[in-house]
Structure formats: structure tokens, C-alpha cells
PDB file of N, CA and C in Angstrom:
ATOM      1  N   MET A   1      93.080  38.557-127.501  1.00  0.00           N
ATOM      2  CA  MET A   1      93.247  37.494-126.521  1.00  0.00           C
ATOM      3  C   MET A   1      92.502  36.242-127.004  1.00  0.00           C
ATOM      4  N   ALA A   2      93.103  35.114-126.790  1.00  0.00           N
ATOM      5  CA  ALA A   2      92.517  33.837-127.200  1.00  0.00           C
ATOM      6  C   ALA A   2      91.310  33.506-126.328  1.00  0.00           C
ATOM      7  N   SER A   3      90.360  32.801-126.904  1.00  0.00           N
ATOM      8  CA  SER A   3      89.192  32.372-126.138  1.00  0.00           C
ATOM      9  C   SER A   3      89.621  31.380-125.056  1.00  0.00           C
ATOM     10  N   PHE A   4      88.765  31.201-124.070  1.00  0.00           N
ATOM     11  CA  PHE A   4      89.073  30.244-123.002  1.00  0.00           C
ATOM     12  C   PHE A   4      89.257  28.851-123.582  1.00  0.00           C
ATOM     13  N   PHE A   5      88.420  28.467-124.538  1.00  0.00           N
ATOM     14  CA  PHE A   5      88.554  27.144-125.156  1.00  0.00           C
ATOM     15  C   PHE A   5      89.924  27.001-125.821  1.00  0.00           C
ATOM     16  N   ASP A   6      90.356  28.031-126.555  1.00  0.00           N
ATOM     17  CA  ASP A   6      91.674  27.975-127.204  1.00  0.00           C
ATOM     18  C   ASP A   6      92.793  27.877-126.172  1.00  0.00           C
ATOM     19  N   GLN A   7      92.621  28.555-125.049  1.00  0.00           N
ATOM     20  CA  GLN A   7      93.614  28.463-123.983  1.00  0.00           C
ATOM     21  C   GLN A   7      93.646  27.047-123.402  1.00  0.00           C
ATOM     22  N   VAL A   8      92.479  26.431-123.252  1.00  0.00           N
ATOM     23  CA  VAL A   8      92.411  25.042-122.779  1.00  0.00           C
ATOM     24  C   VAL A   8      93.197  24.151-123.727  1.00  0.00           C
ATOM     25  N   TYR A   9      92.952  24.298-125.023  1.00  0.00           N
ATOM     26  CA  TYR A   9      93.635  23.451-126.004  1.00  0.00           C
ATOM     27  C   TYR A   9      95.146  23.637-125.919  1.00  0.00           C
ATOM     28  N   LEU A  10      95.579  24.864-125.749  1.00  0.00           N
ATOM     29  CA  LEU A  10      97.010  25.141-125.655  1.00  0.00           C
ATOM     30  C   LEU A  10      97.628  24.461-124.437  1.00  0.00           C
ATOM     31  N   VAL A  11      96.969  24.543-123.298  1.00  0.00           N
ATOM     32  CA  VAL A  11      97.483  23.898-122.087  1.00  0.00           C
ATOM     33  C   VAL A  11      97.495  22.383-122.255  1.00  0.00           C
ATOM     34  N   VAL A  12      96.418  21.822-122.778  1.00  0.00           N
ATOM     35  CA  VAL A  12      96.341  20.364-122.947  1.00  0.00           C
ATOM     36  C   VAL A  12      97.430  19.874-123.902  1.00  0.00           C
ATOM     37  N   GLN A  13      97.776  20.680-124.885  1.00  0.00           N
ATOM     38  CA  GLN A  13      98.855  20.306-125.806  1.00  0.00           C
ATOM     39  C   GLN A  13     100.201  20.173-125.092  1.00  0.00           C
ATOM     40  N   GLN A  14     100.329  20.749-123.919  1.00  0.00           N
ATOM     41  CA  GLN A  14     101.592  20.694-123.177  1.00  0.00           C
ATOM     42  C   GLN A  14     101.718  19.433-122.324  1.00  0.00           C
ATOM     43  N   ILE A  15     100.639  18.704-122.128  1.00  0.00           N
ATOM     44  CA  ILE A  15     100.684  17.484-121.306  1.00  0.00           C
ATOM     45  C   ILE A  15     101.436  16.417-122.091  1.00  0.00           C
ATOM     46  N   PRO A  16     102.545  15.930-121.558  1.00  0.00           N
ATOM     47  CA  PRO A  16     103.340  14.960-122.323  1.00  0.00           C
ATOM     48  C   PRO A  16     102.701  13.569-122.354  1.00  0.00           C
ATOM     49  N   PRO A  17     103.052  12.781-123.357  1.00  0.00           N
ATOM     50  CA  PRO A  17     102.570  11.397-123.396  1.00  0.00           C
ATOM     51  C   PRO A  17     102.959  10.676-122.107  1.00  0.00           C
ATOM     52  N   GLY A  18     102.053   9.845-121.615  1.00  0.00           N
ATOM     53  CA  GLY A  18     102.324   9.099-120.393  1.00  0.00           C
ATOM     54  C   GLY A  18     101.983   9.847-119.121  1.00  0.00           C
ATOM     55  N   LYS A  19     101.433  11.050-119.257  1.00  0.00           N
ATOM     56  CA  LYS A  19     101.016  11.854-118.106  1.00  0.00           C
ATOM     57  C   LYS A  19      99.555  12.243-118.273  1.00  0.00           C
ATOM     58  N   VAL A  20      98.897  12.528-117.155  1.00  0.00           N
ATOM     59  CA  VAL A  20      97.504  12.968-117.173  1.00  0.00           C
ATOM     60  C   VAL A  20      97.340  14.193-116.283  1.00  0.00           C
ATOM     61  N   ALA A  21      96.302  14.963-116.569  1.00  0.00           N
ATOM     62  CA  ALA A  21      95.922  16.116-115.753  1.00  0.00           C
ATOM     63  C   ALA A  21      94.420  16.028-115.521  1.00  0.00           C
ATOM     64  N   SER A  22      93.952  16.711-114.499  1.00  0.00           N
ATOM     65  CA  SER A  22      92.508  16.747-114.253  1.00  0.00           C
ATOM     66  C   SER A  22      91.915  17.988-114.916  1.00  0.00           C
ATOM     67  N   TYR A  23      90.615  17.939-115.111  1.00  0.00           N
ATOM     68  CA  TYR A  23      89.911  19.094-115.664  1.00  0.00           C
ATOM     69  C   TYR A  23      90.155  20.319-114.781  1.00  0.00           C
ATOM     70  N   GLY A  24      90.088  20.112-113.472  1.00  0.00           N
ATOM     71  CA  GLY A  24      90.308  21.209-112.534  1.00  0.00           C
ATOM     72  C   GLY A  24      91.720  21.747-112.568  1.00  0.00           C
ATOM     73  N   GLN A  25      92.690  20.866-112.782  1.00  0.00           N
ATOM     74  CA  GLN A  25      94.081  21.302-112.871  1.00  0.00           C
ATOM     75  C   GLN A  25      94.270  22.214-114.080  1.00  0.00           C
ATOM     76  N   VAL A  26      93.700  21.833-115.208  1.00  0.00           N
ATOM     77  CA  VAL A  26      93.800  22.671-116.409  1.00  0.00           C
ATOM     78  C   VAL A  26      93.137  24.019-116.147  1.00  0.00           C
ATOM     79  N   ALA A  27      91.967  24.004-115.523  1.00  0.00           N
ATOM     80  CA  ALA A  27      91.269  25.247-115.205  1.00  0.00           C
ATOM     81  C   ALA A  27      92.102  26.122-114.274  1.00  0.00           C
ATOM     82  N   ALA A  28      92.709  25.514-113.253  1.00  0.00           N
ATOM     83  CA  ALA A  28      93.520  26.274-112.296  1.00  0.00           C
ATOM     84  C   ALA A  28      94.739  26.888-112.973  1.00  0.00           C
ATOM     85  N   ILE A  29      95.377  26.146-113.862  1.00  0.00           N
ATOM     86  CA  ILE A  29      96.527  26.685-114.594  1.00  0.00           C
ATOM     87  C   ILE A  29      96.118  27.946-115.346  1.00  0.00           C
ATOM     88  N   LEU A  30      94.891  27.958-115.853  1.00  0.00           N
ATOM     89  CA  LEU A  30      94.394  29.110-116.606  1.00  0.00           C
ATOM     90  C   LEU A  30      93.833  30.208-115.709  1.00  0.00           C
ATOM     91  N   GLY A  31      93.984  30.043-114.398  1.00  0.00           N
ATOM     92  CA  GLY A  31      93.538  31.070-113.467  1.00  0.00           C
ATOM     93  C   GLY A  31      92.054  31.038-113.172  1.00  0.00           C
ATOM     94  N   SER A  32      91.389  29.951-113.524  1.00  0.00           N
ATOM     95  CA  SER A  32      89.946  29.805-113.297  1.00  0.00           C
ATOM     96  C   SER A  32      89.664  28.468-112.622  1.00  0.00           C
ATOM     97  N   PRO A  33      90.067  28.318-111.353  1.00  0.00           N
ATOM     98  CA  PRO A  33      89.976  27.014-110.700  1.00  0.00           C
ATOM     99  C   PRO A  33      88.567  26.435-110.603  1.00  0.00           C
ATOM    100  N   ARG A  34      87.551  27.252-110.774  1.00  0.00           N
ATOM    101  CA  ARG A  34      86.171  26.748-110.705  1.00  0.00           C
ATOM    102  C   ARG A  34      85.606  26.396-112.084  1.00  0.00           C
ATOM    103  N   ALA A  35      86.445  26.404-113.094  1.00  0.00           N
ATOM    104  CA  ALA A  35      85.980  26.195-114.470  1.00  0.00           C
ATOM    105  C   ALA A  35      86.281  24.796-115.000  1.00  0.00           C
ATOM    106  N   ALA A  36      86.349  23.807-114.107  1.00  0.00           N
ATOM    107  CA  ALA A  36      86.646  22.439-114.550  1.00  0.00           C
ATOM    108  C   ALA A  36      85.624  21.950-115.573  1.00  0.00           C
ATOM    109  N   ARG A  37      84.357  22.238-115.351  1.00  0.00           N
ATOM    110  CA  ARG A  37      83.333  21.803-116.311  1.00  0.00           C
ATOM    111  C   ARG A  37      83.510  22.481-117.659  1.00  0.00           C
ATOM    112  N   THR A  38      83.926  23.726-117.634  1.00  0.00           N
ATOM    113  CA  THR A  38      84.154  24.438-118.890  1.00  0.00           C
ATOM    114  C   THR A  38      85.309  23.807-119.655  1.00  0.00           C
ATOM    115  N   VAL A  39      86.321  23.344-118.940  1.00  0.00           N
ATOM    116  CA  VAL A  39      87.414  22.607-119.589  1.00  0.00           C
ATOM    117  C   VAL A  39      86.843  21.363-120.261  1.00  0.00           C
ATOM    118  N   GLY A  40      85.969  20.653-119.568  1.00  0.00           N
ATOM    119  CA  GLY A  40      85.324  19.480-120.152  1.00  0.00           C
ATOM    120  C   GLY A  40      84.519  19.830-121.392  1.00  0.00           C
ATOM    121  N   TRP A  41      83.794  20.939-121.338  1.00  0.00           N
ATOM    122  CA  TRP A  41      83.010  21.366-122.501  1.00  0.00           C
ATOM    123  C   TRP A  41      83.932  21.707-123.674  1.00  0.00           C
ATOM    124  N   ALA A  42      85.052  22.358-123.360  1.00  0.00           N
ATOM    125  CA  ALA A  42      86.006  22.703-124.422  1.00  0.00           C
ATOM    126  C   ALA A  42      86.505  21.444-125.120  1.00  0.00           C
ATOM    127  N   LEU A  43      86.859  20.442-124.332  1.00  0.00           N
ATOM    128  CA  LEU A  43      87.376  19.203-124.926  1.00  0.00           C
ATOM    129  C   LEU A  43      86.277  18.443-125.660  1.00  0.00           C
ATOM    130  N   ALA A  44      85.065  18.469-125.136  1.00  0.00           N
ATOM    131  CA  ALA A  44      83.950  17.787-125.795  1.00  0.00           C
ATOM    132  C   ALA A  44      83.587  18.456-127.114  1.00  0.00           C
ATOM    133  N   SER A  45      83.829  19.752-127.220  1.00  0.00           N
ATOM    134  CA  SER A  45      83.468  20.469-128.444  1.00  0.00           C
ATOM    135  C   SER A  45      84.616  20.535-129.446  1.00  0.00           C
ATOM    136  N   LEU A  46      85.696  19.877-129.133  1.00  0.00           N
ATOM    137  CA  LEU A  46      86.841  19.834-130.039  1.00  0.00           C
ATOM    138  C   LEU A  46      86.409  19.252-131.377  1.00  0.00           C
ATOM    139  N   ARG A  47      86.746  19.924-132.436  1.00  0.00           N
ATOM    140  CA  ARG A  47      86.382  19.431-133.769  1.00  0.00           C
ATOM    141  C   ARG A  47      87.202  18.207-134.108  1.00  0.00           C
ATOM    142  N   GLU A  48      86.582  17.300-134.824  1.00  0.00           N
ATOM    143  CA  GLU A  48      87.256  16.054-135.193  1.00  0.00           C
ATOM    144  C   GLU A  48      88.573  16.334-135.911  1.00  0.00           C
ATOM    145  N   SER A  49      88.597  17.383-136.716  1.00  0.00           N
ATOM    146  CA  SER A  49      89.808  17.722-137.466  1.00  0.00           C
ATOM    147  C   SER A  49      90.943  18.205-136.560  1.00  0.00           C
ATOM    148  N   ASN A  50      90.613  18.655-135.349  1.00  0.00           N
ATOM    149  CA  ASN A  50      91.631  19.157-134.418  1.00  0.00           C
ATOM    150  C   ASN A  50      92.044  18.143-133.361  1.00  0.00           C
ATOM    151  N   GLU A  51      91.340  17.013-133.290  1.00  0.00           N
ATOM    152  CA  GLU A  51      91.610  16.047-132.226  1.00  0.00           C
ATOM    153  C   GLU A  51      93.035  15.512-132.253  1.00  0.00           C
ATOM    154  N   ALA A  52      93.621  15.403-133.433  1.00  0.00           N
ATOM    155  CA  ALA A  52      94.989  14.888-133.528  1.00  0.00           C
ATOM    156  C   ALA A  52      95.994  15.861-132.920  1.00  0.00           C
ATOM    157  N   ASP A  53      95.648  17.146-132.880  1.00  0.00           N
ATOM    158  CA  ASP A  53      96.557  18.170-132.360  1.00  0.00           C
ATOM    159  C   ASP A  53      96.406  18.417-130.865  1.00  0.00           C
ATOM    160  N   VAL A  54      95.288  18.011-130.298  1.00  0.00           N
ATOM    161  CA  VAL A  54      95.008  18.247-128.877  1.00  0.00           C
ATOM    162  C   VAL A  54      94.799  16.888-128.211  1.00  0.00           C
ATOM    163  N   PRO A  55      95.726  16.468-127.352  1.00  0.00           N
ATOM    164  CA  PRO A  55      95.621  15.142-126.722  1.00  0.00           C
ATOM    165  C   PRO A  55      94.569  15.106-125.611  1.00  0.00           C
ATOM    166  N   TRP A  56      93.320  15.202-126.011  1.00  0.00           N
ATOM    167  CA  TRP A  56      92.176  15.276-125.100  1.00  0.00           C
ATOM    168  C   TRP A  56      92.143  14.113-124.118  1.00  0.00           C
ATOM    169  N   GLN A  57      92.669  12.963-124.538  1.00  0.00           N
ATOM    170  CA  GLN A  57      92.605  11.760-123.701  1.00  0.00           C
ATOM    171  C   GLN A  57      93.418  11.907-122.421  1.00  0.00           C
ATOM    172  N   ARG A  58      94.326  12.870-122.370  1.00  0.00           N
ATOM    173  CA  ARG A  58      95.197  13.039-121.203  1.00  0.00           C
ATOM    174  C   ARG A  58      94.541  13.822-120.074  1.00  0.00           C
ATOM    175  N   VAL A  59      93.297  14.224-120.243  1.00  0.00           N
ATOM    176  CA  VAL A  59      92.576  14.948-119.191  1.00  0.00           C
ATOM    177  C   VAL A  59      91.506  14.008-118.635  1.00  0.00           C
ATOM    178  N   ILE A  60      91.609  13.752-117.326  1.00  0.00           N
ATOM    179  CA  ILE A  60      90.702  12.825-116.645  1.00  0.00           C
ATOM    180  C   ILE A  60      90.116  13.519-115.422  1.00  0.00           C
ATOM    181  N   ASN A  61      89.239  12.836-114.713  1.00  0.00           N
ATOM    182  CA  ASN A  61      88.626  13.497-113.556  1.00  0.00           C
ATOM    183  C   ASN A  61      89.584  13.529-112.356  1.00  0.00           C
ATOM    184  N   SER A  62      89.217  14.297-111.358  1.00  0.00           N
ATOM    185  CA  SER A  62      90.105  14.511-110.206  1.00  0.00           C
ATOM    186  C   SER A  62      90.294  13.273-109.344  1.00  0.00           C
ATOM    187  N   GLN A  63      89.432  12.282-109.512  1.00  0.00           N
ATOM    188  CA  GLN A  63      89.603  11.028-108.776  1.00  0.00           C
ATOM    189  C   GLN A  63      90.604  10.106-109.466  1.00  0.00           C
ATOM    190  N   GLY A  64      91.032  10.478-110.663  1.00  0.00           N
ATOM    191  CA  GLY A  64      91.988   9.654-111.392  1.00  0.00           C
ATOM    192  C   GLY A  64      91.339   8.634-112.302  1.00  0.00           C
ATOM    193  N   ARG A  65      90.130   8.935-112.739  1.00  0.00           N
ATOM    194  CA  ARG A  65      89.400   8.006-113.609  1.00  0.00           C
ATOM    195  C   ARG A  65      88.977   8.700-114.897  1.00  0.00           C
ATOM    196  N   VAL A  66      88.795   7.909-115.917  1.00  0.00           N
ATOM    197  CA  VAL A  66      88.228   8.394-117.163  1.00  0.00           C
ATOM    198  C   VAL A  66      86.747   8.649-116.916  1.00  0.00           C
ATOM    199  N   SER A  67      86.266   9.798-117.340  1.00  0.00           N
ATOM    200  CA  SER A  67      84.840  10.097-117.136  1.00  0.00           C
ATOM    201  C   SER A  67      84.261  10.827-118.340  1.00  0.00           C
ATOM    202  N   ILE A  68      84.731  10.462-119.492  1.00  0.00           N
ATOM    203  CA  ILE A  68      84.320  11.135-120.726  1.00  0.00           C
ATOM    204  C   ILE A  68      82.820  10.974-120.975  1.00  0.00           C
ATOM    205  N   ARG A  69      82.218  12.055-121.443  1.00  0.00           N
ATOM    206  CA  ARG A  69      80.811  12.029-121.853  1.00  0.00           C
ATOM    207  C   ARG A  69      80.759  12.662-123.238  1.00  0.00           C
ATOM    208  N   ASN A  70      81.197  11.907-124.213  1.00  0.00           N
ATOM    209  CA  ASN A  70      81.332  12.420-125.563  1.00  0.00           C
ATOM    210  C   ASN A  70      80.741  11.393-126.517  1.00  0.00           C
ATOM    211  N   LEU A  71      79.935  11.834-127.433  1.00  0.00           N
ATOM    212  CA  LEU A  71      79.281  10.908-128.352  1.00  0.00           C
ATOM    213  C   LEU A  71      80.257  10.261-129.328  1.00  0.00           C
ATOM    214  N   ARG A  72      81.373  10.929-129.606  1.00  0.00           N
ATOM    215  CA  ARG A  72      82.334  10.380-130.570  1.00  0.00           C
ATOM    216  C   ARG A  72      83.283   9.369-129.952  1.00  0.00           C
ATOM    217  N   HIS A  73      83.473   9.426-128.643  1.00  0.00           N
ATOM    218  CA  HIS A  73      84.477   8.574-128.005  1.00  0.00           C
ATOM    219  C   HIS A  73      83.900   7.902-126.763  1.00  0.00           C
ATOM    220  N   ALA A  74      84.252   6.657-126.585  1.00  0.00           N
ATOM    221  CA  ALA A  74      83.819   5.904-125.409  1.00  0.00           C
ATOM    222  C   ALA A  74      84.907   5.956-124.346  1.00  0.00           C
ATOM    223  N   MET A  75      84.513   5.704-123.100  1.00  0.00           N
ATOM    224  CA  MET A  75      85.476   5.688-122.004  1.00  0.00           C
ATOM    225  C   MET A  75      86.575   4.664-122.268  1.00  0.00           C
ATOM    226  N   ALA A  76      86.202   3.519-122.814  1.00  0.00           N
ATOM    227  CA  ALA A  76      87.192   2.471-123.095  1.00  0.00           C
ATOM    228  C   ALA A  76      88.223   2.947-124.112  1.00  0.00           C
ATOM    229  N   GLU A  77      87.793   3.779-125.063  1.00  0.00           N
ATOM    230  CA  GLU A  77      88.730   4.312-126.058  1.00  0.00           C
ATOM    231  C   GLU A  77      89.740   5.245-125.396  1.00  0.00           C
ATOM    232  N   GLN A  78      89.259   6.112-124.511  1.00  0.00           N
ATOM    233  CA  GLN A  78      90.163   7.027-123.824  1.00  0.00           C
ATOM    234  C   GLN A  78      91.167   6.246-122.988  1.00  0.00           C
ATOM    235  N   GLN A  79      90.695   5.248-122.258  1.00  0.00           N
ATOM    236  CA  GLN A  79      91.598   4.441-121.443  1.00  0.00           C
ATOM    237  C   GLN A  79      92.611   3.718-122.327  1.00  0.00           C
ATOM    238  N   ALA A  80      92.173   3.179-123.452  1.00  0.00           N
ATOM    239  CA  ALA A  80      93.082   2.468-124.360  1.00  0.00           C
ATOM    240  C   ALA A  80      94.150   3.407-124.915  1.00  0.00           C
ATOM    241  N   LEU A  81      93.768   4.634-125.256  1.00  0.00           N
ATOM    242  CA  LEU A  81      94.744   5.610-125.753  1.00  0.00           C
ATOM    243  C   LEU A  81      95.786   5.924-124.680  1.00  0.00           C
ATOM    244  N   LEU A  82      95.332   6.086-123.447  1.00  0.00           N
ATOM    245  CA  LEU A  82      96.258   6.368-122.348  1.00  0.00           C
ATOM    246  C   LEU A  82      97.169   5.175-122.080  1.00  0.00           C
ATOM    247  N   GLU A  83      96.615   3.987-122.090  1.00  0.00           N
ATOM    248  CA  GLU A  83      97.433   2.789-121.864  1.00  0.00           C
ATOM    249  C   GLU A  83      98.485   2.638-122.957  1.00  0.00           C
ATOM    250  N   ALA A  84      98.148   3.005-124.182  1.00  0.00           N
ATOM    251  CA  ALA A  84      99.112   2.949-125.284  1.00  0.00           C
ATOM    252  C   ALA A  84     100.271   3.916-125.061  1.00  0.00           C
ATOM    253  N   GLU A  85     100.039   4.961-124.252  1.00  0.00           N
ATOM    254  CA  GLU A  85     101.089   5.924-123.912  1.00  0.00           C
ATOM    255  C   GLU A  85     101.856   5.509-122.661  1.00  0.00           C
ATOM    256  N   GLY A  86     101.454   4.398-122.045  1.00  0.00           N
ATOM    257  CA  GLY A  86     102.145   3.916-120.856  1.00  0.00           C
ATOM    258  C   GLY A  86     101.465   4.213-119.541  1.00  0.00           C
ATOM    259  N   VAL A  87     100.317   4.877-119.574  1.00  0.00           N
ATOM    260  CA  VAL A  87      99.569   5.155-118.347  1.00  0.00           C
ATOM    261  C   VAL A  87      98.909   3.855-117.896  1.00  0.00           C
ATOM    262  N   GLU A  88      99.054   3.549-116.615  1.00  0.00           N
ATOM    263  CA  GLU A  88      98.492   2.312-116.071  1.00  0.00           C
ATOM    264  C   GLU A  88      97.274   2.610-115.205  1.00  0.00           C
ATOM    265  N   PHE A  89      96.286   1.738-115.305  1.00  0.00           N
ATOM    266  CA  PHE A  89      95.066   1.818-114.503  1.00  0.00           C
ATOM    267  C   PHE A  89      95.037   0.617-113.574  1.00  0.00           C
ATOM    268  N   ASP A  90      94.550   0.822-112.349  1.00  0.00           N
ATOM    269  CA  ASP A  90      94.411  -0.329-111.455  1.00  0.00           C
ATOM    270  C   ASP A  90      93.140  -1.096-111.824  1.00  0.00           C
ATOM    271  N   ALA A  91      92.861  -2.154-111.092  1.00  0.00           N
ATOM    272  CA  ALA A  91      91.722  -3.021-111.406  1.00  0.00           C
ATOM    273  C   ALA A  91      90.383  -2.285-111.328  1.00  0.00           C
ATOM    274  N   ARG A  92      90.339  -1.195-110.564  1.00  0.00           N
ATOM    275  CA  ARG A  92      89.100  -0.416-110.432  1.00  0.00           C
ATOM    276  C   ARG A  92      89.019   0.736-111.426  1.00  0.00           C
ATOM    277  N   GLY A  93      90.052   0.882-112.271  1.00  0.00           N
ATOM    278  CA  GLY A  93      90.032   1.928-113.289  1.00  0.00           C
ATOM    279  C   GLY A  93      90.612   3.258-112.857  1.00  0.00           C
ATOM    280  N   TYR A  94      91.454   3.253-111.822  1.00  0.00           N
ATOM    281  CA  TYR A  94      92.073   4.480-111.326  1.00  0.00           C
ATOM    282  C   TYR A  94      93.523   4.594-111.786  1.00  0.00           C
ATOM    283  N   VAL A  95      93.953   5.830-112.003  1.00  0.00           N
ATOM    284  CA  VAL A  95      95.340   6.151-112.322  1.00  0.00           C
ATOM    285  C   VAL A  95      96.019   6.612-111.037  1.00  0.00           C
ATOM    286  N   ASP A  96      97.261   6.238-110.840  1.00  0.00           N
ATOM    287  CA  ASP A  96      98.054   6.698-109.693  1.00  0.00           C
ATOM    288  C   ASP A  96      98.604   8.085-110.031  1.00  0.00           C
ATOM    289  N   TRP A  97      98.050   9.106-109.374  1.00  0.00           N
ATOM    290  CA  TRP A  97      98.474  10.484-109.649  1.00  0.00           C
ATOM    291  C   TRP A  97      99.961  10.686-109.390  1.00  0.00           C
ATOM    292  N   ARG A  98     100.504   9.999-108.374  1.00  0.00           N
ATOM    293  CA  ARG A  98     101.932  10.193-108.062  1.00  0.00           C
ATOM    294  C   ARG A  98     102.819   9.745-109.215  1.00  0.00           C
ATOM    295  N   ARG A  99     102.419   8.707-109.913  1.00  0.00           N
ATOM    296  CA  ARG A  99     103.220   8.180-111.025  1.00  0.00           C
ATOM    297  C   ARG A  99     102.921   8.861-112.353  1.00  0.00           C
ATOM    298  N   PHE A 100     101.655   9.159-112.589  1.00  0.00           N
ATOM    299  CA  PHE A 100     101.264   9.593-113.923  1.00  0.00           C
ATOM    300  C   PHE A 100     100.712  11.016-113.988  1.00  0.00           C
ATOM    301  N   GLY A 101     100.622  11.683-112.848  1.00  0.00           N
ATOM    302  CA  GLY A 101     100.117  13.053-112.843  1.00  0.00           C
ATOM    303  C   GLY A 101     101.125  14.031-113.425  1.00  0.00           C
ATOM    304  N   TRP A 102     100.620  14.956-114.200  1.00  0.00           N
ATOM    305  CA  TRP A 102     101.441  15.996-114.813  1.00  0.00           C
ATOM    306  C   TRP A 102     101.669  17.109-113.806  1.00  0.00           C
ATOM    307  N   ASP A 103     102.883  17.647-113.774  1.00  0.00           N
ATOM    308  CA  ASP A 103     103.214  18.719-112.837  1.00  0.00           C
ATOM    309  C   ASP A 103     102.614  20.063-113.236  1.00  0.00           C
ATOM    310  N   GLY A 104     102.197  20.202-114.466  1.00  0.00           N
ATOM    311  CA  GLY A 104     101.561  21.445-114.902  1.00  0.00           C
ATOM    312  C   GLY A 104     102.547  22.464-115.423  1.00  0.00           C
ATOM    313  N   LEU A 105     102.075  23.692-115.519  1.00  0.00           N
ATOM    314  CA  LEU A 105     102.872  24.800-116.028  1.00  0.00           C
ATOM    315  C   LEU A 105     103.025  25.857-114.947  1.00  0.00           C
ATOM    316  N   SER A 106     104.152  26.504-114.947  1.00  0.00           N
ATOM    317  CA  SER A 106     104.322  27.655-114.062  1.00  0.00           C
ATOM    318  C   SER A 106     103.605  28.845-114.694  1.00  0.00           C
ATOM    319  N   SER A 107     103.394  29.878-113.924  1.00  0.00           N
ATOM    320  CA  SER A 107     102.734  31.067-114.465  1.00  0.00           C
ATOM    321  C   SER A 107     103.578  31.699-115.565  1.00  0.00           C
ATOM    322  N   VAL A 108     104.892  31.607-115.445  1.00  0.00           N
ATOM    323  CA  VAL A 108     105.792  32.154-116.469  1.00  0.00           C
ATOM    324  C   VAL A 108     105.644  31.363-117.771  1.00  0.00           C
ATOM    325  N   GLU A 109     105.596  30.025-117.663  1.00  0.00           N
ATOM    326  CA  GLU A 109     105.421  29.183-118.854  1.00  0.00           C
ATOM    327  C   GLU A 109     104.074  29.456-119.522  1.00  0.00           C
ATOM    328  N   LEU A 110     103.025  29.591-118.713  1.00  0.00           N
ATOM    329  CA  LEU A 110     101.702  29.865-119.261  1.00  0.00           C
ATOM    330  C   LEU A 110     101.686  31.214-119.972  1.00  0.00           C
ATOM    331  N   GLU A 111     102.267  32.211-119.351  1.00  0.00           N
ATOM    332  CA  GLU A 111     102.301  33.542-119.952  1.00  0.00           C
ATOM    333  C   GLU A 111     103.003  33.506-121.309  1.00  0.00           C
ATOM    334  N   ALA A 112     104.106  32.769-121.395  1.00  0.00           N
ATOM    335  CA  ALA A 112     104.832  32.649-122.665  1.00  0.00           C
ATOM    336  C   ALA A 112     103.963  31.972-123.728  1.00  0.00           C
ATOM    337  N   LEU A 113     103.222  30.942-123.336  1.00  0.00           N
ATOM    338  CA  LEU A 113     102.342  30.260-124.285  1.00  0.00           C
ATOM    339  C   LEU A 113     101.221  31.178-124.767  1.00  0.00           C
ATOM    340  N   LEU A 114     100.634  31.912-123.851  1.00  0.00           N
ATOM    341  CA  LEU A 114      99.544  32.809-124.224  1.00  0.00           C
ATOM    342  C   LEU A 114     100.041  33.932-125.121  1.00  0.00           C
ATOM    343  N   GLU A 115     101.273  34.355-124.928  1.00  0.00           N
ATOM    344  CA  GLU A 115     101.863  35.360-125.816  1.00  0.00           C
ATOM    345  C   GLU A 115     102.021  34.808-127.223  1.00  0.00           C
ATOM    346  N   GLN A 116     102.349  33.519-127.325  1.00  0.00           N
ATOM    347  CA  GLN A 116     102.460  32.889-128.643  1.00  0.00           C
ATOM    348  C   GLN A 116     101.132  32.961-129.388  1.00  0.00           C
ATOM    349  N   ILE A 117     100.037  32.711-128.675  1.00  0.00           N
ATOM    350  CA  ILE A 117      98.713  32.785-129.306  1.00  0.00           C
ATOM    351  C   ILE A 117      98.431  34.211-129.752  1.00  0.00           C
ATOM    352  N   ALA A 118      98.740  35.166-128.880  1.00  0.00           N
ATOM    353  CA  ALA A 118      98.466  36.565-129.192  1.00  0.00           C
ATOM    354  C   ALA A 118      99.268  37.031-130.406  1.00  0.00           C
ATOM    355  N   ASP A 119     100.473  36.497-130.553  1.00  0.00           N
ATOM    356  CA  ASP A 119     101.339  36.895-131.663  1.00  0.00           C
ATOM    357  C   ASP A 119     100.968  36.221-132.976  1.00  0.00           C
ATOM    358  N   SER A 120     100.187  35.142-132.896  1.00  0.00           N
ATOM    359  CA  SER A 120      99.866  34.419-134.143  1.00  0.00           C
ATOM    360  C   SER A 120      98.587  34.901-134.779  1.00  0.00           C
TER     361      SER A 120
END
């Protein structure tokens, strides 16, 4: 079975450009709704060599704001990456969840993805 961090990366890879998810949403998809901070730790510990494969910038806080605490990346960088994908922020730095929120994965879709990891 894949580690929780690897499962986080797999789910985050499914978030399409122009959409965002919250840390808690990713945790809930993985069946651990109280593990939002662990999702944040997983993304913060992403190796520089893997950052191109995992769109970490698409995960924001539940209020709809960038709240990154990472030494390699600034909040402005995350917002700029999202804006380049078409995500819009209001004057206060909030994203409209209705427009840009990701619908997530069904349990069937998640199970299929986790099977892919197990088979590899």
C-alpha cells in the first residue's frame, strides 16, 4: 500500500488546471477528513525534483486563500501560478469556490487510482 504522502500526491495530480482544492478536501477524499495538516506537510515535503509532477499550487486553505508556509515558495508565487492557470482572486486574495473549486474524486475513482499505485 502506498504511503499517505504518496496518496496525497496522487490525488493532487488529479486536480485540473484552473481548479483548486482545500487541504481538508484532499484529506477527506483519502478517507482521513481530520488530516488536512498532514496533507499540508506532504506538499511541503515534496522534493524539488517532483514538484513539476505534483501541482501543489492547486491546494489552498478552506477559506479560499493561499496559505503556504514553505521555504522554497512564497505565497505570491503560488497565487501567480494559479492565476496563470486562470484562477481568479478577489481584491482580498480569496478564490470563489463555486467557480474554481474542484469537484473531487468519487470513491470508485479513488480506488482505481490507488490500485494503479499498488500495481506499479
